[in-house]
Amino acid sequence: MALNHARVVHALQKAVTAARDEFIPAFLAAFGTSPATLRLLDSRNAARRPGDVALAGKIYIHAATPGCDLEAALAEIRACPKSAAKESATAPSTSTAWITPIPEW
């Protein structure tokens, strides 16, 4: 399914005004993540660090602090070992890693 620019923009506007704990599901939904995947996001989270969110082979989201070195943060994430439950998750690559500096909410 092709992405519609207007729908993505509208969905992102809703995502940034949502509560902090609703941002990531709203962000993923804006780019076409299926409702079934969003419902299972907690149980299928392939992130290597607490507080991060990852969908294996698709996207890795890590909230970085303002002014941090993004390359160092990415290297730190890659160095984290996978847990036994997440052995099937792929390591984040630069094309799938989203490290976003966000202000304090």
PDB file of N, CA and C in Angstrom:
ATOM      1  N   MET A   1       0.839  -1.171   0.000  1.00  0.00           N
ATOM      2  CA  MET A   1       0.000   0.000   0.000  1.00  0.00           C
ATOM      3  C   MET A   1       0.890   1.241   0.000  1.00  0.00           C
ATOM      4  N   ALA A   2       0.627   2.142  -0.919  1.00  0.00           N
ATOM      5  CA  ALA A   2       1.398   3.377  -1.024  1.00  0.00           C
ATOM      6  C   ALA A   2       0.972   4.355   0.064  1.00  0.00           C
ATOM      7  N   LEU A   3       1.928   5.141   0.522  1.00  0.00           N
ATOM      8  CA  LEU A   3       1.629   6.135   1.536  1.00  0.00           C
ATOM      9  C   LEU A   3       1.065   7.391   0.892  1.00  0.00           C
ATOM     10  N   ASN A   4       0.059   7.948   1.501  1.00  0.00           N
ATOM     11  CA  ASN A   4      -0.544   9.193   1.053  1.00  0.00           C
ATOM     12  C   ASN A   4       0.050  10.312   1.894  1.00  0.00           C
ATOM     13  N   HIS A   5       0.712  11.274   1.243  1.00  0.00           N
ATOM     14  CA  HIS A   5       1.405  12.349   1.954  1.00  0.00           C
ATOM     15  C   HIS A   5       0.483  13.090   2.917  1.00  0.00           C
ATOM     16  N   ALA A   6      -0.700  13.444   2.484  1.00  0.00           N
ATOM     17  CA  ALA A   6      -1.636  14.192   3.336  1.00  0.00           C
ATOM     18  C   ALA A   6      -2.048  13.374   4.561  1.00  0.00           C
ATOM     19  N   ARG A   7      -2.266  12.082   4.370  1.00  0.00           N
ATOM     20  CA  ARG A   7      -2.638  11.224   5.505  1.00  0.00           C
ATOM     21  C   ARG A   7      -1.494  11.096   6.500  1.00  0.00           C
ATOM     22  N   VAL A   8      -0.267  10.975   6.005  1.00  0.00           N
ATOM     23  CA  VAL A   8       0.889  10.871   6.888  1.00  0.00           C
ATOM     24  C   VAL A   8       1.042  12.158   7.692  1.00  0.00           C
ATOM     25  N   VAL A   9       0.949  13.301   7.037  1.00  0.00           N
ATOM     26  CA  VAL A   9       1.083  14.586   7.729  1.00  0.00           C
ATOM     27  C   VAL A   9      -0.006  14.736   8.786  1.00  0.00           C
ATOM     28  N   HIS A  10      -1.229  14.418   8.435  1.00  0.00           N
ATOM     29  CA  HIS A  10      -2.342  14.520   9.391  1.00  0.00           C
ATOM     30  C   HIS A  10      -2.123  13.582  10.580  1.00  0.00           C
ATOM     31  N   ALA A  11      -1.696  12.360  10.309  1.00  0.00           N
ATOM     32  CA  ALA A  11      -1.461  11.389  11.384  1.00  0.00           C
ATOM     33  C   ALA A  11      -0.305  11.822  12.276  1.00  0.00           C
ATOM     34  N   LEU A  12       0.742  12.413  11.699  1.00  0.00           N
ATOM     35  CA  LEU A  12       1.862  12.887  12.500  1.00  0.00           C
ATOM     36  C   LEU A  12       1.468  14.076  13.364  1.00  0.00           C
ATOM     37  N   GLN A  13       0.603  14.942  12.842  1.00  0.00           N
ATOM     38  CA  GLN A  13       0.107  16.064  13.647  1.00  0.00           C
ATOM     39  C   GLN A  13      -0.659  15.548  14.857  1.00  0.00           C
ATOM     40  N   LYS A  14      -1.454  14.508  14.667  1.00  0.00           N
ATOM     41  CA  LYS A  14      -2.173  13.907  15.792  1.00  0.00           C
ATOM     42  C   LYS A  14      -1.209  13.231  16.762  1.00  0.00           C
ATOM     43  N   ALA A  15      -0.156  12.603  16.226  1.00  0.00           N
ATOM     44  CA  ALA A  15       0.802  11.890  17.073  1.00  0.00           C
ATOM     45  C   ALA A  15       1.553  12.842  17.998  1.00  0.00           C
ATOM     46  N   VAL A  16       1.955  13.999  17.493  1.00  0.00           N
ATOM     47  CA  VAL A  16       2.741  14.906  18.334  1.00  0.00           C
ATOM     48  C   VAL A  16       1.895  15.604  19.386  1.00  0.00           C
ATOM     49  N   THR A  17       0.590  15.599  19.222  1.00  0.00           N
ATOM     50  CA  THR A  17      -0.280  16.189  20.245  1.00  0.00           C
ATOM     51  C   THR A  17      -0.815  15.138  21.215  1.00  0.00           C
ATOM     52  N   ALA A  18      -0.511  13.882  20.956  1.00  0.00           N
ATOM     53  CA  ALA A  18      -0.979  12.791  21.822  1.00  0.00           C
ATOM     54  C   ALA A  18      -0.133  12.742  23.092  1.00  0.00           C
ATOM     55  N   ALA A  19      -0.607  11.998  24.052  1.00  0.00           N
ATOM     56  CA  ALA A  19       0.154  11.787  25.283  1.00  0.00           C
ATOM     57  C   ALA A  19       1.462  11.074  24.941  1.00  0.00           C
ATOM     58  N   ARG A  20       2.453  11.241  25.791  1.00  0.00           N
ATOM     59  CA  ARG A  20       3.777  10.685  25.522  1.00  0.00           C
ATOM     60  C   ARG A  20       3.740   9.183  25.277  1.00  0.00           C
ATOM     61  N   ASP A  21       2.975   8.435  26.078  1.00  0.00           N
ATOM     62  CA  ASP A  21       2.930   6.978  25.914  1.00  0.00           C
ATOM     63  C   ASP A  21       2.161   6.544  24.674  1.00  0.00           C
ATOM     64  N   GLU A  22       1.439   7.456  24.039  1.00  0.00           N
ATOM     65  CA  GLU A  22       0.703   7.141  22.820  1.00  0.00           C
ATOM     66  C   GLU A  22       1.449   7.574  21.561  1.00  0.00           C
ATOM     67  N   PHE A  23       2.586   8.266  21.719  1.00  0.00           N
ATOM     68  CA  PHE A  23       3.295   8.804  20.556  1.00  0.00           C
ATOM     69  C   PHE A  23       3.823   7.717  19.626  1.00  0.00           C
ATOM     70  N   ILE A  24       4.542   6.740  20.167  1.00  0.00           N
ATOM     71  CA  ILE A  24       5.173   5.735  19.301  1.00  0.00           C
ATOM     72  C   ILE A  24       4.149   4.929  18.513  1.00  0.00           C
ATOM     73  N   PRO A  25       3.066   4.412  19.128  1.00  0.00           N
ATOM     74  CA  PRO A  25       2.064   3.712  18.306  1.00  0.00           C
ATOM     75  C   PRO A  25       1.441   4.632  17.247  1.00  0.00           C
ATOM     76  N   ALA A  26       1.187   5.886  17.598  1.00  0.00           N
ATOM     77  CA  ALA A  26       0.607   6.826  16.625  1.00  0.00           C
ATOM     78  C   ALA A  26       1.603   7.114  15.500  1.00  0.00           C
ATOM     79  N   PHE A  27       2.877   7.229  15.837  1.00  0.00           N
ATOM     80  CA  PHE A  27       3.915   7.457  14.836  1.00  0.00           C
ATOM     81  C   PHE A  27       4.003   6.280  13.875  1.00  0.00           C
ATOM     82  N   LEU A  28       4.032   5.058  14.422  1.00  0.00           N
ATOM     83  CA  LEU A  28       4.111   3.865  13.577  1.00  0.00           C
ATOM     84  C   LEU A  28       2.860   3.709  12.713  1.00  0.00           C
ATOM     85  N   ALA A  29       1.699   4.028  13.280  1.00  0.00           N
ATOM     86  CA  ALA A  29       0.453   3.949  12.515  1.00  0.00           C
ATOM     87  C   ALA A  29       0.451   4.945  11.359  1.00  0.00           C
ATOM     88  N   ALA A  30       1.066   6.105  11.555  1.00  0.00           N
ATOM     89  CA  ALA A  30       1.120   7.120  10.500  1.00  0.00           C
ATOM     90  C   ALA A  30       1.827   6.602   9.254  1.00  0.00           C
ATOM     91  N   PHE A  31       2.760   5.694   9.436  1.00  0.00           N
ATOM     92  CA  PHE A  31       3.510   5.155   8.310  1.00  0.00           C
ATOM     93  C   PHE A  31       3.040   3.771   7.889  1.00  0.00           C
ATOM     94  N   GLY A  32       1.814   3.416   8.265  1.00  0.00           N
ATOM     95  CA  GLY A  32       1.190   2.215   7.737  1.00  0.00           C
ATOM     96  C   GLY A  32       1.393   0.936   8.512  1.00  0.00           C
ATOM     97  N   THR A  33       1.869   1.020   9.745  1.00  0.00           N
ATOM     98  CA  THR A  33       1.983  -0.197  10.558  1.00  0.00           C
ATOM     99  C   THR A  33       0.579  -0.712  10.848  1.00  0.00           C
ATOM    100  N   SER A  34       0.375  -1.988  10.679  1.00  0.00           N
ATOM    101  CA  SER A  34      -0.964  -2.553  10.816  1.00  0.00           C
ATOM    102  C   SER A  34      -1.469  -2.467  12.262  1.00  0.00           C
ATOM    103  N   PRO A  35      -2.781  -2.351  12.441  1.00  0.00           N
ATOM    104  CA  PRO A  35      -3.354  -2.331  13.794  1.00  0.00           C
ATOM    105  C   PRO A  35      -3.015  -3.582  14.603  1.00  0.00           C
ATOM    106  N   ALA A  36      -2.919  -4.719  13.942  1.00  0.00           N
ATOM    107  CA  ALA A  36      -2.575  -5.964  14.650  1.00  0.00           C
ATOM    108  C   ALA A  36      -1.156  -5.884  15.213  1.00  0.00           C
ATOM    109  N   THR A  37      -0.226  -5.352  14.444  1.00  0.00           N
ATOM    110  CA  THR A  37       1.145  -5.199  14.921  1.00  0.00           C
ATOM    111  C   THR A  37       1.197  -4.214  16.079  1.00  0.00           C
ATOM    112  N   LEU A  38       0.428  -3.130  15.994  1.00  0.00           N
ATOM    113  CA  LEU A  38       0.410  -2.143  17.077  1.00  0.00           C
ATOM    114  C   LEU A  38      -0.139  -2.741  18.370  1.00  0.00           C
ATOM    115  N   ARG A  39      -1.143  -3.611  18.260  1.00  0.00           N
ATOM    116  CA  ARG A  39      -1.702  -4.256  19.458  1.00  0.00           C
ATOM    117  C   ARG A  39      -0.668  -5.156  20.130  1.00  0.00           C
ATOM    118  N   LEU A  40       0.204  -5.746  19.341  1.00  0.00           N
ATOM    119  CA  LEU A  40       1.206  -6.674  19.862  1.00  0.00           C
ATOM    120  C   LEU A  40       2.560  -6.009  20.089  1.00  0.00           C
ATOM    121  N   LEU A  41       2.606  -4.689  20.034  1.00  0.00           N
ATOM    122  CA  LEU A  41       3.871  -3.970  20.114  1.00  0.00           C
ATOM    123  C   LEU A  41       4.650  -4.304  21.387  1.00  0.00           C
ATOM    124  N   ASP A  42       3.980  -4.372  22.529  1.00  0.00           N
ATOM    125  CA  ASP A  42       4.686  -4.680  23.779  1.00  0.00           C
ATOM    126  C   ASP A  42       5.277  -6.087  23.775  1.00  0.00           C
ATOM    127  N   SER A  43       4.519  -7.054  23.295  1.00  0.00           N
ATOM    128  CA  SER A  43       5.011  -8.431  23.332  1.00  0.00           C
ATOM    129  C   SER A  43       6.010  -8.722  22.211  1.00  0.00           C
ATOM    130  N   ARG A  44       6.016  -7.940  21.162  1.00  0.00           N
ATOM    131  CA  ARG A  44       6.946  -8.154  20.050  1.00  0.00           C
ATOM    132  C   ARG A  44       8.044  -7.101  19.980  1.00  0.00           C
ATOM    133  N   ASN A  45       8.223  -6.356  21.039  1.00  0.00           N
ATOM    134  CA  ASN A  45       9.248  -5.317  21.065  1.00  0.00           C
ATOM    135  C   ASN A  45      10.619  -5.972  21.007  1.00  0.00           C
ATOM    136  N   ALA A  46      11.368  -5.706  19.957  1.00  0.00           N
ATOM    137  CA  ALA A  46      12.677  -6.322  19.746  1.00  0.00           C
ATOM    138  C   ALA A  46      13.818  -5.410  20.186  1.00  0.00           C
ATOM    139  N   ALA A  47      13.512  -4.393  20.979  1.00  0.00           N
ATOM    140  CA  ALA A  47      14.535  -3.444  21.412  1.00  0.00           C
ATOM    141  C   ALA A  47      15.564  -4.106  22.308  1.00  0.00           C
ATOM    142  N   ARG A  48      16.771  -3.593  22.242  1.00  0.00           N
ATOM    143  CA  ARG A  48      17.863  -4.135  23.039  1.00  0.00           C
ATOM    144  C   ARG A  48      17.999  -3.416  24.364  1.00  0.00           C
ATOM    145  N   ARG A  49      17.374  -2.259  24.525  1.00  0.00           N
ATOM    146  CA  ARG A  49      17.513  -1.470  25.745  1.00  0.00           C
ATOM    147  C   ARG A  49      16.139  -1.145  26.311  1.00  0.00           C
ATOM    148  N   PRO A  50      16.012  -1.070  27.630  1.00  0.00           N
ATOM    149  CA  PRO A  50      14.735  -0.678  28.232  1.00  0.00           C
ATOM    150  C   PRO A  50      14.354   0.739  27.792  1.00  0.00           C
ATOM    151  N   GLY A  51      13.092   0.926  27.480  1.00  0.00           N
ATOM    152  CA  GLY A  51      12.610   2.227  27.045  1.00  0.00           C
ATOM    153  C   GLY A  51      12.646   2.431  25.541  1.00  0.00           C
ATOM    154  N   ASP A  52      13.371   1.586  24.824  1.00  0.00           N
ATOM    155  CA  ASP A  52      13.417   1.671  23.366  1.00  0.00           C
ATOM    156  C   ASP A  52      12.297   0.821  22.780  1.00  0.00           C
ATOM    157  N   VAL A  53      11.969   1.082  21.528  1.00  0.00           N
ATOM    158  CA  VAL A  53      10.947   0.307  20.829  1.00  0.00           C
ATOM    159  C   VAL A  53      11.528  -0.111  19.489  1.00  0.00           C
ATOM    160  N   ALA A  54      11.341  -1.373  19.136  1.00  0.00           N
ATOM    161  CA  ALA A  54      11.839  -1.866  17.854  1.00  0.00           C
ATOM    162  C   ALA A  54      10.887  -2.896  17.281  1.00  0.00           C
ATOM    163  N   LEU A  55      10.717  -2.819  15.986  1.00  0.00           N
ATOM    164  CA  LEU A  55      10.021  -3.863  15.241  1.00  0.00           C
ATOM    165  C   LEU A  55      11.100  -4.528  14.406  1.00  0.00           C
ATOM    166  N   ALA A  56      11.339  -5.804  14.650  1.00  0.00           N
ATOM    167  CA  ALA A  56      12.437  -6.525  14.013  1.00  0.00           C
ATOM    168  C   ALA A  56      12.451  -6.321  12.501  1.00  0.00           C
ATOM    169  N   GLY A  57      13.594  -5.861  12.015  1.00  0.00           N
ATOM    170  CA  GLY A  57      13.786  -5.673  10.589  1.00  0.00           C
ATOM    171  C   GLY A  57      13.095  -4.456  10.000  1.00  0.00           C
ATOM    172  N   LYS A  58      12.441  -3.625  10.846  1.00  0.00           N
ATOM    173  CA  LYS A  58      11.716  -2.479  10.308  1.00  0.00           C
ATOM    174  C   LYS A  58      12.203  -1.158  10.869  1.00  0.00           C
ATOM    175  N   ILE A  59      12.179  -1.015  12.185  1.00  0.00           N
ATOM    176  CA  ILE A  59      12.499   0.284  12.780  1.00  0.00           C
ATOM    177  C   ILE A  59      12.988   0.086  14.208  1.00  0.00           C
ATOM    178  N   TYR A  60      13.881   0.979  14.625  1.00  0.00           N
ATOM    179  CA  TYR A  60      14.365   0.996  15.996  1.00  0.00           C
ATOM    180  C   TYR A  60      14.235   2.439  16.482  1.00  0.00           C
ATOM    181  N   ILE A  61      13.539   2.644  17.605  1.00  0.00           N
ATOM    182  CA  ILE A  61      13.324   3.989  18.132  1.00  0.00           C
ATOM    183  C   ILE A  61      13.983   4.100  19.499  1.00  0.00           C
ATOM    184  N   HIS A  62      14.854   5.080  19.614  1.00  0.00           N
ATOM    185  CA  HIS A  62      15.564   5.356  20.862  1.00  0.00           C
ATOM    186  C   HIS A  62      15.489   6.858  21.102  1.00  0.00           C
ATOM    187  N   ALA A  63      14.990   7.268  22.249  1.00  0.00           N
ATOM    188  CA  ALA A  63      14.905   8.690  22.585  1.00  0.00           C
ATOM    189  C   ALA A  63      16.256   9.146  23.106  1.00  0.00           C
ATOM    190  N   ALA A  64      16.893  10.023  22.372  1.00  0.00           N
ATOM    191  CA  ALA A  64      18.203  10.535  22.757  1.00  0.00           C
ATOM    192  C   ALA A  64      18.042  11.876  23.460  1.00  0.00           C
ATOM    193  N   THR A  65      18.987  12.190  24.319  1.00  0.00           N
ATOM    194  CA  THR A  65      18.953  13.478  25.011  1.00  0.00           C
ATOM    195  C   THR A  65      19.498  14.560  24.090  1.00  0.00           C
ATOM    196  N   PRO A  66      18.989  15.792  24.230  1.00  0.00           N
ATOM    197  CA  PRO A  66      19.499  16.886  23.386  1.00  0.00           C
ATOM    198  C   PRO A  66      21.005  17.062  23.566  1.00  0.00           C
ATOM    199  N   GLY A  67      21.693  17.211  22.453  1.00  0.00           N
ATOM    200  CA  GLY A  67      23.126  17.438  22.475  1.00  0.00           C
ATOM    201  C   GLY A  67      23.974  16.185  22.543  1.00  0.00           C
ATOM    202  N   CYS A  68      23.348  15.013  22.586  1.00  0.00           N
ATOM    203  CA  CYS A  68      24.147  13.779  22.670  1.00  0.00           C
ATOM    204  C   CYS A  68      24.750  13.454  21.301  1.00  0.00           C
ATOM    205  N   ASP A  69      25.788  12.647  21.316  1.00  0.00           N
ATOM    206  CA  ASP A  69      26.441  12.200  20.096  1.00  0.00           C
ATOM    207  C   ASP A  69      25.626  11.031  19.529  1.00  0.00           C
ATOM    208  N   LEU A  70      24.944  11.250  18.418  1.00  0.00           N
ATOM    209  CA  LEU A  70      24.060  10.226  17.858  1.00  0.00           C
ATOM    210  C   LEU A  70      24.828   8.995  17.376  1.00  0.00           C
ATOM    211  N   GLU A  71      26.020   9.203  16.829  1.00  0.00           N
ATOM    212  CA  GLU A  71      26.832   8.058  16.382  1.00  0.00           C
ATOM    213  C   GLU A  71      27.225   7.186  17.576  1.00  0.00           C
ATOM    214  N   ALA A  72      27.572   7.819  18.685  1.00  0.00           N
ATOM    215  CA  ALA A  72      27.936   7.059  19.890  1.00  0.00           C
ATOM    216  C   ALA A  72      26.723   6.315  20.445  1.00  0.00           C
ATOM    217  N   ALA A  73      25.547   6.970  20.410  1.00  0.00           N
ATOM    218  CA  ALA A  73      24.325   6.313  20.888  1.00  0.00           C
ATOM    219  C   ALA A  73      24.000   5.096  20.028  1.00  0.00           C
ATOM    220  N   LEU A  74      24.166   5.220  18.710  1.00  0.00           N
ATOM    221  CA  LEU A  74      23.907   4.098  17.809  1.00  0.00           C
ATOM    222  C   LEU A  74      24.901   2.964  18.069  1.00  0.00           C
ATOM    223  N   ALA A  75      26.167   3.300  18.278  1.00  0.00           N
ATOM    224  CA  ALA A  75      27.175   2.276  18.575  1.00  0.00           C
ATOM    225  C   ALA A  75      26.861   1.569  19.893  1.00  0.00           C
ATOM    226  N   GLU A  76      26.373   2.319  20.880  1.00  0.00           N
ATOM    227  CA  GLU A  76      26.012   1.723  22.169  1.00  0.00           C
ATOM    228  C   GLU A  76      24.845   0.753  22.016  1.00  0.00           C
ATOM    229  N   ILE A  77      23.864   1.109  21.204  1.00  0.00           N
ATOM    230  CA  ILE A  77      22.715   0.226  20.974  1.00  0.00           C
ATOM    231  C   ILE A  77      23.177  -1.051  20.272  1.00  0.00           C
ATOM    232  N   ARG A  78      24.026  -0.901  19.275  1.00  0.00           N
ATOM    233  CA  ARG A  78      24.516  -2.078  18.546  1.00  0.00           C
ATOM    234  C   ARG A  78      25.332  -2.995  19.440  1.00  0.00           C
ATOM    235  N   ALA A  79      26.005  -2.433  20.435  1.00  0.00           N
ATOM    236  CA  ALA A  79      26.848  -3.230  21.330  1.00  0.00           C
ATOM    237  C   ALA A  79      26.045  -3.988  22.382  1.00  0.00           C
ATOM    238  N   CYS A  80      24.797  -3.597  22.611  1.00  0.00           N
ATOM    239  CA  CYS A  80      23.960  -4.276  23.606  1.00  0.00           C
ATOM    240  C   CYS A  80      23.646  -5.691  23.134  1.00  0.00           C
ATOM    241  N   PRO A  81      23.801  -6.673  24.015  1.00  0.00           N
ATOM    242  CA  PRO A  81      23.462  -8.042  23.609  1.00  0.00           C
ATOM    243  C   PRO A  81      21.955  -8.224  23.497  1.00  0.00           C
ATOM    244  N   LYS A  82      21.561  -9.117  22.621  1.00  0.00           N
ATOM    245  CA  LYS A  82      20.146  -9.467  22.503  1.00  0.00           C
ATOM    246  C   LYS A  82      19.772 -10.352  23.680  1.00  0.00           C
ATOM    247  N   SER A  83      18.550 -10.211  24.164  1.00  0.00           N
ATOM    248  CA  SER A  83      18.096 -11.124  25.216  1.00  0.00           C
ATOM    249  C   SER A  83      17.695 -12.442  24.554  1.00  0.00           C
ATOM    250  N   ALA A  84      17.574 -13.469  25.334  1.00  0.00           N
ATOM    251  CA  ALA A  84      17.218 -14.778  24.786  1.00  0.00           C
ATOM    252  C   ALA A  84      15.881 -14.743  24.068  1.00  0.00           C
ATOM    253  N   ALA A  85      14.946 -13.932  24.556  1.00  0.00           N
ATOM    254  CA  ALA A  85      13.628 -13.840  23.934  1.00  0.00           C
ATOM    255  C   ALA A  85      13.657 -13.063  22.631  1.00  0.00           C
ATOM    256  N   LYS A  86      14.749 -12.347  22.394  1.00  0.00           N
ATOM    257  CA  LYS A  86      14.802 -11.497  21.213  1.00  0.00           C
ATOM    258  C   LYS A  86      15.872 -11.952  20.225  1.00  0.00           C
ATOM    259  N   GLU A  87      16.261 -13.192  20.265  1.00  0.00           N
ATOM    260  CA  GLU A  87      17.304 -13.688  19.389  1.00  0.00           C
ATOM    261  C   GLU A  87      16.956 -13.552  17.913  1.00  0.00           C
ATOM    262  N   SER A  88      15.667 -13.540  17.579  1.00  0.00           N
ATOM    263  CA  SER A  88      15.291 -13.443  16.174  1.00  0.00           C
ATOM    264  C   SER A  88      15.303 -12.014  15.673  1.00  0.00           C
ATOM    265  N   ALA A  89      15.461 -11.044  16.562  1.00  0.00           N
ATOM    266  CA  ALA A  89      15.479  -9.642  16.150  1.00  0.00           C
ATOM    267  C   ALA A  89      16.771  -9.341  15.409  1.00  0.00           C
ATOM    268  N   THR A  90      16.678  -8.486  14.424  1.00  0.00           N
ATOM    269  CA  THR A  90      17.869  -8.099  13.686  1.00  0.00           C
ATOM    270  C   THR A  90      18.525  -6.917  14.362  1.00  0.00           C
ATOM    271  N   ALA A  91      19.816  -6.794  14.216  1.00  0.00           N
ATOM    272  CA  ALA A  91      20.540  -5.657  14.790  1.00  0.00           C
ATOM    273  C   ALA A  91      20.152  -4.394  14.035  1.00  0.00           C
ATOM    274  N   PRO A  92      19.999  -3.285  14.738  1.00  0.00           N
ATOM    275  CA  PRO A  92      19.652  -2.058  14.039  1.00  0.00           C
ATOM    276  C   PRO A  92      20.784  -1.609  13.131  1.00  0.00           C
ATOM    277  N   SER A  93      20.451  -1.217  11.943  1.00  0.00           N
ATOM    278  CA  SER A  93      21.442  -0.667  11.027  1.00  0.00           C
ATOM    279  C   SER A  93      21.129   0.813  10.864  1.00  0.00           C
ATOM    280  N   THR A  94      21.997   1.521  10.199  1.00  0.00           N
ATOM    281  CA  THR A  94      21.758   2.957  10.069  1.00  0.00           C
ATOM    282  C   THR A  94      20.501   3.233   9.255  1.00  0.00           C
ATOM    283  N   SER A  95      20.089   2.311   8.408  1.00  0.00           N
ATOM    284  CA  SER A  95      18.881   2.539   7.629  1.00  0.00           C
ATOM    285  C   SER A  95      17.606   2.258   8.425  1.00  0.00           C
ATOM    286  N   THR A  96      17.719   1.499   9.526  1.00  0.00           N
ATOM    287  CA  THR A  96      16.524   1.182  10.292  1.00  0.00           C
ATOM    288  C   THR A  96      16.514   1.821  11.671  1.00  0.00           C
ATOM    289  N   ALA A  97      17.589   2.498  12.049  1.00  0.00           N
ATOM    290  CA  ALA A  97      17.660   3.082  13.388  1.00  0.00           C
ATOM    291  C   ALA A  97      17.146   4.517  13.359  1.00  0.00           C
ATOM    292  N   TRP A  98      16.225   4.815  14.240  1.00  0.00           N
ATOM    293  CA  TRP A  98      15.717   6.170  14.400  1.00  0.00           C
ATOM    294  C   TRP A  98      16.102   6.607  15.797  1.00  0.00           C
ATOM    295  N   ILE A  99      17.055   7.496  15.885  1.00  0.00           N
ATOM    296  CA  ILE A  99      17.469   8.035  17.175  1.00  0.00           C
ATOM    297  C   ILE A  99      17.032   9.492  17.155  1.00  0.00           C
ATOM    298  N   THR A 100      16.068   9.811  17.981  1.00  0.00           N
ATOM    299  CA  THR A 100      15.450  11.120  17.910  1.00  0.00           C
ATOM    300  C   THR A 100      15.676  11.912  19.169  1.00  0.00           C
ATOM    301  N   PRO A 101      16.354  13.077  19.062  1.00  0.00           N
ATOM    302  CA  PRO A 101      16.444  13.934  20.239  1.00  0.00           C
ATOM    303  C   PRO A 101      15.063  14.528  20.531  1.00  0.00           C
ATOM    304  N   ILE A 102      14.582  14.374  21.748  1.00  0.00           N
ATOM    305  CA  ILE A 102      13.287  14.944  22.102  1.00  0.00           C
ATOM    306  C   ILE A 102      13.437  15.796  23.353  1.00  0.00           C
ATOM    307  N   PRO A 103      12.675  16.866  23.455  1.00  0.00           N
ATOM    308  CA  PRO A 103      12.737  17.683  24.660  1.00  0.00           C
ATOM    309  C   PRO A 103      12.053  16.967  25.810  1.00  0.00           C
ATOM    310  N   GLU A 104      12.314  17.415  27.025  1.00  0.00           N
ATOM    311  CA  GLU A 104      11.612  16.872  28.187  1.00  0.00           C
ATOM    312  C   GLU A 104      10.132  17.193  28.052  1.00  0.00           C
ATOM    313  N   TRP A 105       9.258  16.242  28.357  1.00  0.00           N
ATOM    314  CA  TRP A 105       7.819  16.462  28.253  1.00  0.00           C
ATOM    315  C   TRP A 105       7.269  16.816  29.583  1.00  0.00           C
TER     316      TRP A 105
END
